[in-house]
Amino acid sequence: MTDSKSNPPVPSRDRTSLSRRTFLKGGVVTGLTTAAAASAASARSSVTKGKAATQLKGRIAISLNINGESKQVAVEPRTTLLGALRDHMEPPMTGTKLVCDGGNCGACTVLLDGAPAAACMTLALDATSHKVRTIEGLGKPNDLSVVQSAFCEDDGLMCGFCTPGFIMAITAELEANPTAELDQLKDACAGNLCRCGTYPQIFDAAVRAAKAGLDNKGDK
């Protein structure tokens, strides 16, 4: 015979009480509802602002200062400076290379007001208020800049895709710091990658250019 006092009956679960599962479901629903409301509010705000602001659609005519010359191009708002140079100039300016298209390799380096910048990460519209210099603006085949000549003399290139970016970065450093030494020159092109592994020759060329001085008209 069972002793009811020593073994009290287990009380039945109150199904109306808040369980852990119910609590979590409620939290998820609340979170989704809040997020949806915030998204809707943001959308309404964007629409309101869009009515007051000028919306950029289609191609827009802009003027770019490229190597001291005014270039008129028509580009979409999303067009990068790299895209404008290579695809919208007449004739195309293909010296600035398209390689990673993500700002990681430095092959598309140009100078904006004298400072290195990744053309693939710069919108063409944002470059309209700056002076842009590309590899074409440094020298010509029969009149190379000091840095370009140094790369030729020290064989500082192999496939050539990274070369314009290295030359632009080193040129910017020597214009800002004519007495730059090897470590400073290495730092200046730390964001430039050479997949062929021509770094020793590249650095030899950089040092050669530093010793020669930027006295070529293409470097001014």
C-alpha atoms as a PDB file:
ATOM      1  CA  MET A   1       0.000   0.000   0.000  1.00  0.00           C
ATOM      2  CA  THR A   2       1.437   3.347  -1.046  1.00  0.00           C
ATOM      3  CA  ASP A   3       1.983   6.034   1.532  1.00  0.00           C
ATOM      4  CA  SER A   4       0.557   9.220   0.007  1.00  0.00           C
ATOM      5  CA  LYS A   5       2.342  11.395   2.540  1.00  0.00           C
ATOM      6  CA  SER A   6       5.813  10.080   1.712  1.00  0.00           C
ATOM      7  CA  ASN A   7       5.155  10.202  -2.030  1.00  0.00           C
ATOM      8  CA  PRO A   8       3.044  13.287  -2.715  1.00  0.00           C
ATOM      9  CA  PRO A   9       1.484  13.438  -6.162  1.00  0.00           C
ATOM     10  CA  VAL A  10       3.346  15.502  -8.799  1.00  0.00           C
ATOM     11  CA  PRO A  11       1.340  18.595  -9.576  1.00  0.00           C
ATOM     12  CA  SER A  12       0.190  18.903 -13.160  1.00  0.00           C
ATOM     13  CA  ARG A  13       1.950  21.581 -15.300  1.00  0.00           C
ATOM     14  CA  ASP A  14       0.049  24.789 -15.576  1.00  0.00           C
ATOM     15  CA  ARG A  15      -0.287  25.217 -19.338  1.00  0.00           C
ATOM     16  CA  THR A  16      -1.220  28.835 -18.879  1.00  0.00           C
ATOM     17  CA  SER A  17       2.185  29.680 -17.332  1.00  0.00           C
ATOM     18  CA  LEU A  18       4.958  31.284 -19.480  1.00  0.00           C
ATOM     19  CA  SER A  19       7.306  28.576 -20.717  1.00  0.00           C
ATOM     20  CA  ARG A  20      10.863  29.150 -21.966  1.00  0.00           C
ATOM     21  CA  ARG A  21       9.820  28.255 -25.513  1.00  0.00           C
ATOM     22  CA  THR A  22       6.910  30.664 -25.428  1.00  0.00           C
ATOM     23  CA  PHE A  23       9.140  33.384 -24.072  1.00  0.00           C
ATOM     24  CA  LEU A  24      11.707  32.911 -26.843  1.00  0.00           C
ATOM     25  CA  LYS A  25       9.020  32.865 -29.527  1.00  0.00           C
ATOM     26  CA  GLY A  26       7.604  36.058 -28.146  1.00  0.00           C
ATOM     27  CA  GLY A  27      11.036  37.687 -28.168  1.00  0.00           C
ATOM     28  CA  VAL A  28      11.639  36.742 -31.804  1.00  0.00           C
ATOM     29  CA  VAL A  29       8.241  38.025 -32.898  1.00  0.00           C
ATOM     30  CA  THR A  30       8.772  41.269 -31.012  1.00  0.00           C
ATOM     31  CA  GLY A  31      12.211  41.700 -32.535  1.00  0.00           C
ATOM     32  CA  LEU A  32      10.958  41.102 -36.063  1.00  0.00           C
ATOM     33  CA  THR A  33       8.080  43.478 -35.548  1.00  0.00           C
ATOM     34  CA  THR A  34      10.406  46.181 -34.242  1.00  0.00           C
ATOM     35  CA  ALA A  35      12.846  45.685 -37.132  1.00  0.00           C
ATOM     36  CA  ALA A  36      10.031  45.851 -39.667  1.00  0.00           C
ATOM     37  CA  ALA A  37       8.732  49.052 -38.132  1.00  0.00           C
ATOM     38  CA  ALA A  38      12.202  50.605 -38.143  1.00  0.00           C
ATOM     39  CA  SER A  39      12.722  49.586 -41.773  1.00  0.00           C
ATOM     40  CA  ALA A  40       9.399  51.082 -42.783  1.00  0.00           C
ATOM     41  CA  ALA A  41      10.213  54.300 -40.953  1.00  0.00           C
ATOM     42  CA  SER A  42      13.599  54.457 -42.664  1.00  0.00           C
ATOM     43  CA  ALA A  43      12.002  53.899 -46.047  1.00  0.00           C
ATOM     44  CA  ARG A  44       9.473  56.663 -45.410  1.00  0.00           C
ATOM     45  CA  SER A  45      12.304  58.958 -44.368  1.00  0.00           C
ATOM     46  CA  SER A  46      14.282  58.133 -47.516  1.00  0.00           C
ATOM     47  CA  VAL A  47      11.278  58.801 -49.701  1.00  0.00           C
ATOM     48  CA  THR A  48      10.694  62.106 -47.970  1.00  0.00           C
ATOM     49  CA  LYS A  49      14.318  63.134 -48.398  1.00  0.00           C
ATOM     50  CA  GLY A  50      14.323  61.914 -51.999  1.00  0.00           C
ATOM     51  CA  LYS A  51      11.488  64.266 -52.881  1.00  0.00           C
ATOM     52  CA  ALA A  52      13.497  67.233 -51.674  1.00  0.00           C
ATOM     53  CA  ALA A  53      16.889  66.131 -52.982  1.00  0.00           C
ATOM     54  CA  THR A  54      17.995  65.916 -56.590  1.00  0.00           C
ATOM     55  CA  GLN A  55      17.963  62.321 -57.734  1.00  0.00           C
ATOM     56  CA  LEU A  56      20.815  61.256 -60.007  1.00  0.00           C
ATOM     57  CA  LYS A  57      19.624  58.986 -62.779  1.00  0.00           C
ATOM     58  CA  GLY A  58      21.151  57.840 -66.024  1.00  0.00           C
ATOM     59  CA  ARG A  59      24.359  59.363 -67.304  1.00  0.00           C
ATOM     60  CA  ILE A  60      25.607  62.653 -65.953  1.00  0.00           C
ATOM     61  CA  ALA A  61      27.945  65.010 -67.787  1.00  0.00           C
ATOM     62  CA  ILE A  62      30.967  65.847 -65.652  1.00  0.00           C
ATOM     63  CA  SER A  63      34.336  67.484 -66.116  1.00  0.00           C
ATOM     64  CA  LEU A  64      37.507  65.832 -64.850  1.00  0.00           C
ATOM     65  CA  ASN A  65      40.919  67.458 -64.592  1.00  0.00           C
ATOM     66  CA  ILE A  66      43.174  64.718 -65.944  1.00  0.00           C
ATOM     67  CA  ASN A  67      46.894  65.447 -66.196  1.00  0.00           C
ATOM     68  CA  GLY A  68      46.229  69.168 -66.384  1.00  0.00           C
ATOM     69  CA  GLU A  69      43.558  68.912 -69.086  1.00  0.00           C
ATOM     70  CA  SER A  70      39.805  69.219 -68.742  1.00  0.00           C
ATOM     71  CA  LYS A  71      38.054  66.055 -69.895  1.00  0.00           C
ATOM     72  CA  GLN A  72      34.297  66.008 -70.472  1.00  0.00           C
ATOM     73  CA  VAL A  73      32.628  62.646 -69.927  1.00  0.00           C
ATOM     74  CA  ALA A  74      29.115  61.325 -69.342  1.00  0.00           C
ATOM     75  CA  VAL A  75      28.968  58.614 -66.673  1.00  0.00           C
ATOM     76  CA  GLU A  76      26.476  56.906 -64.411  1.00  0.00           C
ATOM     77  CA  PRO A  77      26.645  57.916 -60.712  1.00  0.00           C
ATOM     78  CA  ARG A  78      28.096  54.502 -59.843  1.00  0.00           C
ATOM     79  CA  THR A  79      30.988  54.782 -62.330  1.00  0.00           C
ATOM     80  CA  THR A  80      34.402  54.704 -60.693  1.00  0.00           C
ATOM     81  CA  LEU A  81      37.275  56.933 -61.681  1.00  0.00           C
ATOM     82  CA  LEU A  82      38.981  53.818 -63.034  1.00  0.00           C
ATOM     83  CA  GLY A  83      35.965  53.068 -65.198  1.00  0.00           C
ATOM     84  CA  ALA A  84      35.824  56.650 -66.432  1.00  0.00           C
ATOM     85  CA  LEU A  85      39.490  56.584 -67.417  1.00  0.00           C
ATOM     86  CA  ARG A  86      39.414  53.239 -69.179  1.00  0.00           C
ATOM     87  CA  ASP A  87      35.905  53.153 -70.653  1.00  0.00           C
ATOM     88  CA  HIS A  88      34.677  56.716 -71.091  1.00  0.00           C
ATOM     89  CA  MET A  89      37.702  58.706 -72.248  1.00  0.00           C
ATOM     90  CA  GLU A  90      38.469  59.307 -75.893  1.00  0.00           C
ATOM     91  CA  PRO A  91      40.985  57.897 -76.496  1.00  0.00           C
ATOM     92  CA  PRO A  92      40.784  55.420 -73.579  1.00  0.00           C
ATOM     93  CA  MET A  93      43.387  55.915 -70.852  1.00  0.00           C
ATOM     94  CA  THR A  94      44.309  52.308 -70.133  1.00  0.00           C
ATOM     95  CA  GLY A  95      47.601  52.961 -68.370  1.00  0.00           C
ATOM     96  CA  THR A  96      45.762  52.768 -65.054  1.00  0.00           C
ATOM     97  CA  LYS A  97      45.199  49.040 -64.645  1.00  0.00           C
ATOM     98  CA  LEU A  98      42.106  47.107 -63.608  1.00  0.00           C
ATOM     99  CA  VAL A  99      43.262  44.106 -61.561  1.00  0.00           C
ATOM    100  CA  CYS A 100      41.543  43.349 -58.226  1.00  0.00           C
ATOM    101  CA  ASP A 101      38.814  46.017 -58.529  1.00  0.00           C
ATOM    102  CA  GLY A 102      38.619  46.080 -54.730  1.00  0.00           C
ATOM    103  CA  GLY A 103      41.325  48.475 -53.565  1.00  0.00           C
ATOM    104  CA  ASN A 104      43.662  45.662 -52.529  1.00  0.00           C
ATOM    105  CA  CYS A 105      46.437  45.517 -55.121  1.00  0.00           C
ATOM    106  CA  GLY A 106      47.338  49.125 -55.924  1.00  0.00           C
ATOM    107  CA  ALA A 107      47.511  48.567 -59.699  1.00  0.00           C
ATOM    108  CA  CYS A 108      44.980  51.357 -60.303  1.00  0.00           C
ATOM    109  CA  THR A 109      46.830  53.954 -58.200  1.00  0.00           C
ATOM    110  CA  VAL A 110      46.464  57.521 -59.435  1.00  0.00           C
ATOM    111  CA  LEU A 111      47.283  60.791 -57.739  1.00  0.00           C
ATOM    112  CA  LEU A 112      44.495  63.018 -56.447  1.00  0.00           C
ATOM    113  CA  ASP A 113      45.949  66.431 -55.687  1.00  0.00           C
ATOM    114  CA  GLY A 114      49.324  64.725 -55.374  1.00  0.00           C
ATOM    115  CA  ALA A 115      48.231  61.948 -53.003  1.00  0.00           C
ATOM    116  CA  PRO A 116      47.956  58.266 -54.048  1.00  0.00           C
ATOM    117  CA  ALA A 117      44.405  56.958 -54.381  1.00  0.00           C
ATOM    118  CA  ALA A 118      42.822  53.753 -55.654  1.00  0.00           C
ATOM    119  CA  ALA A 119      40.910  54.702 -58.797  1.00  0.00           C
ATOM    120  CA  CYS A 120      38.741  51.596 -58.482  1.00  0.00           C
ATOM    121  CA  MET A 121      37.467  52.794 -55.103  1.00  0.00           C
ATOM    122  CA  THR A 122      36.910  56.428 -56.097  1.00  0.00           C
ATOM    123  CA  LEU A 123      33.704  57.516 -57.807  1.00  0.00           C
ATOM    124  CA  ALA A 124      34.226  59.618 -60.906  1.00  0.00           C
ATOM    125  CA  LEU A 125      31.737  62.153 -59.496  1.00  0.00           C
ATOM    126  CA  ASP A 126      33.859  62.529 -56.366  1.00  0.00           C
ATOM    127  CA  ALA A 127      36.968  63.244 -58.447  1.00  0.00           C
ATOM    128  CA  THR A 128      35.530  66.287 -60.210  1.00  0.00           C
ATOM    129  CA  SER A 129      36.915  68.672 -57.597  1.00  0.00           C
ATOM    130  CA  HIS A 130      40.430  67.198 -57.672  1.00  0.00           C
ATOM    131  CA  LYS A 131      43.444  67.247 -59.967  1.00  0.00           C
ATOM    132  CA  VAL A 132      43.939  63.718 -61.242  1.00  0.00           C
ATOM    133  CA  ARG A 133      47.303  62.462 -62.479  1.00  0.00           C
ATOM    134  CA  THR A 134      47.739  59.134 -64.193  1.00  0.00           C
ATOM    135  CA  ILE A 135      50.728  57.245 -65.536  1.00  0.00           C
ATOM    136  CA  GLU A 136      50.124  58.893 -68.920  1.00  0.00           C
ATOM    137  CA  GLY A 137      50.770  62.267 -67.298  1.00  0.00           C
ATOM    138  CA  LEU A 138      54.270  61.453 -66.053  1.00  0.00           C
ATOM    139  CA  GLY A 139      56.134  60.927 -69.284  1.00  0.00           C
ATOM    140  CA  LYS A 140      56.008  59.662 -72.842  1.00  0.00           C
ATOM    141  CA  PRO A 141      57.919  56.790 -74.469  1.00  0.00           C
ATOM    142  CA  ASN A 142      60.559  59.173 -75.812  1.00  0.00           C
ATOM    143  CA  ASP A 143      60.589  61.391 -72.716  1.00  0.00           C
ATOM    144  CA  LEU A 144      60.159  59.229 -69.612  1.00  0.00           C
ATOM    145  CA  SER A 145      60.022  60.585 -66.090  1.00  0.00           C
ATOM    146  CA  VAL A 146      62.882  59.850 -63.703  1.00  0.00           C
ATOM    147  CA  VAL A 147      60.916  57.098 -61.964  1.00  0.00           C
ATOM    148  CA  GLN A 148      59.846  55.515 -65.249  1.00  0.00           C
ATOM    149  CA  SER A 149      63.427  55.570 -66.513  1.00  0.00           C
ATOM    150  CA  ALA A 150      64.671  53.988 -63.296  1.00  0.00           C
ATOM    151  CA  PHE A 151      62.169  51.127 -63.675  1.00  0.00           C
ATOM    152  CA  CYS A 152      63.489  50.492 -67.182  1.00  0.00           C
ATOM    153  CA  GLU A 153      67.126  50.628 -66.123  1.00  0.00           C
ATOM    154  CA  ASP A 154      66.666  48.301 -63.152  1.00  0.00           C
ATOM    155  CA  ASP A 155      64.207  45.990 -64.928  1.00  0.00           C
ATOM    156  CA  GLY A 156      61.588  46.725 -62.282  1.00  0.00           C
ATOM    157  CA  LEU A 157      58.724  45.026 -64.094  1.00  0.00           C
ATOM    158  CA  MET A 158      57.719  41.653 -65.446  1.00  0.00           C
ATOM    159  CA  CYS A 159      54.089  41.302 -66.550  1.00  0.00           C
ATOM    160  CA  GLY A 160      53.622  45.045 -66.163  1.00  0.00           C
ATOM    161  CA  PHE A 161      50.140  45.122 -64.650  1.00  0.00           C
ATOM    162  CA  CYS A 162      51.344  46.425 -61.285  1.00  0.00           C
ATOM    163  CA  THR A 163      53.981  48.770 -62.727  1.00  0.00           C
ATOM    164  CA  PRO A 164      51.884  51.945 -63.213  1.00  0.00           C
ATOM    165  CA  GLY A 165      50.616  51.747 -59.637  1.00  0.00           C
ATOM    166  CA  PHE A 166      54.118  51.359 -58.199  1.00  0.00           C
ATOM    167  CA  ILE A 167      55.432  54.223 -60.308  1.00  0.00           C
ATOM    168  CA  MET A 168      52.617  56.540 -59.205  1.00  0.00           C
ATOM    169  CA  ALA A 169      53.054  55.667 -55.510  1.00  0.00           C
ATOM    170  CA  ILE A 170      56.833  56.143 -55.633  1.00  0.00           C
ATOM    171  CA  THR A 171      56.468  59.391 -57.588  1.00  0.00           C
ATOM    172  CA  ALA A 172      54.086  60.771 -54.956  1.00  0.00           C
ATOM    173  CA  GLU A 173      56.519  59.874 -52.171  1.00  0.00           C
ATOM    174  CA  LEU A 174      59.513  61.482 -53.894  1.00  0.00           C
ATOM    175  CA  GLU A 175      57.555  64.636 -54.682  1.00  0.00           C
ATOM    176  CA  ALA A 176      56.587  64.937 -51.017  1.00  0.00           C
ATOM    177  CA  ASN A 177      59.936  63.721 -49.677  1.00  0.00           C
ATOM    178  CA  PRO A 178      62.762  64.083 -52.244  1.00  0.00           C
ATOM    179  CA  THR A 179      65.313  62.626 -49.815  1.00  0.00           C
ATOM    180  CA  ALA A 180      63.281  59.498 -49.081  1.00  0.00           C
ATOM    181  CA  GLU A 181      65.359  56.448 -48.231  1.00  0.00           C
ATOM    182  CA  LEU A 182      64.697  52.782 -48.906  1.00  0.00           C
ATOM    183  CA  ASP A 183      62.476  52.122 -45.869  1.00  0.00           C
ATOM    184  CA  GLN A 184      60.368  55.187 -46.616  1.00  0.00           C
ATOM    185  CA  LEU A 185      60.030  54.184 -50.263  1.00  0.00           C
ATOM    186  CA  LYS A 186      58.943  50.696 -49.215  1.00  0.00           C
ATOM    187  CA  ASP A 187      56.310  52.176 -46.918  1.00  0.00           C
ATOM    188  CA  ALA A 188      55.087  54.436 -49.721  1.00  0.00           C
ATOM    189  CA  CYS A 189      54.194  51.465 -51.917  1.00  0.00           C
ATOM    190  CA  ALA A 190      53.161  49.064 -49.154  1.00  0.00           C
ATOM    191  CA  GLY A 191      49.671  48.949 -50.651  1.00  0.00           C
ATOM    192  CA  ASN A 192      50.979  47.849 -54.045  1.00  0.00           C
ATOM    193  CA  LEU A 193      51.344  44.172 -54.866  1.00  0.00           C
ATOM    194  CA  CYS A 194      53.546  42.501 -57.465  1.00  0.00           C
ATOM    195  CA  ARG A 195      52.372  38.980 -58.203  1.00  0.00           C
ATOM    196  CA  CYS A 196      55.511  38.329 -60.234  1.00  0.00           C
ATOM    197  CA  GLY A 197      57.674  39.010 -57.171  1.00  0.00           C
ATOM    198  CA  THR A 198      59.801  41.741 -58.743  1.00  0.00           C
ATOM    199  CA  TYR A 199      60.192  43.618 -55.468  1.00  0.00           C
ATOM    200  CA  PRO A 200      64.036  43.747 -55.362  1.00  0.00           C
ATOM    201  CA  GLN A 201      64.208  45.423 -58.774  1.00  0.00           C
ATOM    202  CA  ILE A 202      61.291  47.723 -57.918  1.00  0.00           C
ATOM    203  CA  PHE A 203      63.035  48.941 -54.774  1.00  0.00           C
ATOM    204  CA  ASP A 204      66.340  49.326 -56.660  1.00  0.00           C
ATOM    205  CA  ALA A 205      64.508  51.503 -59.166  1.00  0.00           C
ATOM    206  CA  ALA A 206      62.922  53.555 -56.390  1.00  0.00           C
ATOM    207  CA  VAL A 207      66.309  54.211 -54.784  1.00  0.00           C
ATOM    208  CA  ARG A 208      67.828  55.068 -58.174  1.00  0.00           C
ATOM    209  CA  ALA A 209      65.067  57.611 -58.809  1.00  0.00           C
ATOM    210  CA  ALA A 210      65.527  59.116 -55.351  1.00  0.00           C
ATOM    211  CA  LYS A 211      69.256  59.586 -55.974  1.00  0.00           C
ATOM    212  CA  ALA A 212      68.658  61.040 -59.445  1.00  0.00           C
ATOM    213  CA  GLY A 213      66.086  63.544 -58.176  1.00  0.00           C
ATOM    214  CA  LEU A 214      62.819  64.463 -59.840  1.00  0.00           C
ATOM    215  CA  ASP A 215      64.268  66.962 -62.257  1.00  0.00           C
ATOM    216  CA  ASN A 216      62.407  65.685 -65.300  1.00  0.00           C
ATOM    217  CA  LYS A 217      59.538  67.881 -66.491  1.00  0.00           C
ATOM    218  CA  GLY A 218      57.223  64.889 -66.319  1.00  0.00           C
ATOM    219  CA  ASP A 219      57.663  64.746 -62.553  1.00  0.00           C
ATOM    220  CA  LYS A 220      56.642  68.316 -61.828  1.00  0.00           C
END
